[in-house]
């Protein structure tokens, strides 16, 4: 199966009682299986072979026998006690003492087996231990020092999404399991990786936008003009969201990767527009003429750079191979975001520049009136 590692839906249950965890896992798996779009639910805590569990009797405790000492003797009887190591040329042979095979495979051996006490006396096993049979486990897993079981399933992307299933489970099912079986839950697998990636991406986004702003401040020698240039970024984000809606796609991690790249690309169209407007103002053009001249002068450059980029990504948007399915959301973010921003930046940025200059003039007049000296008679 291609794509990121892990299952589409993975819920981890933790607690102190293995049987309560198993019961909760079975109930959760059945509930998930009944949800439309979820299939192949299973847990990683399968039952194992039947086990015989022994407990010391009061008489055994009075005779000084402990659970550990009894366990060592039972292990020696059934698994063997290392009595000697024999060196035969280059080989080393182990000599183990244990019960014969035919006795180790019969349950009545517990009635005839003798146990050594601390005072070197022997007593029948039946007089110092009680037995019960129960279902064992093939494996017991732990997470953060607690018993844990993970219930996983596959999600049909054409019918629902993993996020919708998680929201549905958190609404009623998981709180009821927590109250009924005394377990705790958390989402693992791809959900855990997504949480970690989102946290890193938030820091990366702030760092990236900060670096773009500082570079523009250094280029324009102004604190306000870079904000106008970066105003194209929200336009690109709106275009990326529109593209996903138009193609019927969900936002994925690869979509967010595309948004990161888009943020740096859409700034270029706004940058060349603001730069030309600034040059025309320096040459003596009015604000209105400079904005119109910049929009007209950079129309061809903005359209050509945007169309060539979109044209390069177009084959990937319509690719049907499995390998391309994970890159299509990223290409969608860049192509549609760049296309929408290219159309709107020619109108939005000049309007924003006009508002900014009008605000500066109004603020300058207000400061001038406030700082006007008082005349004395």
Foldseek 3Di string as FASTA:
>chain_A
DDDDDFAQFKKKKWDADPVLQVVLLVVVQVVQCPDPFWDDKDKPKDWDAKDKDKDWDPVQVVLVDDPVLVVVVVCCAQVFDFDDWDDDPPDIDTDTDYHDPVLNVDPCVLQVDWGATPVRDIDRNVNTMDIDMDIHIPDWDDDPRTTMMMIHIHGRVVPDHNVVVVVVCVVPPQVVSCVPSVIDMDIDTVVVVVVVVVVVVVVVVVVVVVVQQVVVCVVVVDNPVSVLLQVLLVLLQVQLVVLCVVVVHDDDPLLVVLSVVQSVVLSVLSVQLVVQLVVVVVVPDDLVVSLVCSLVVCLVVLVVVLVVLLVVLVVLCPDDDPVSPSNNSSSSSNNRSSVRSSVCSSPRSSVVVVVVVVVVVVVVVVVCVVPDDDDDD
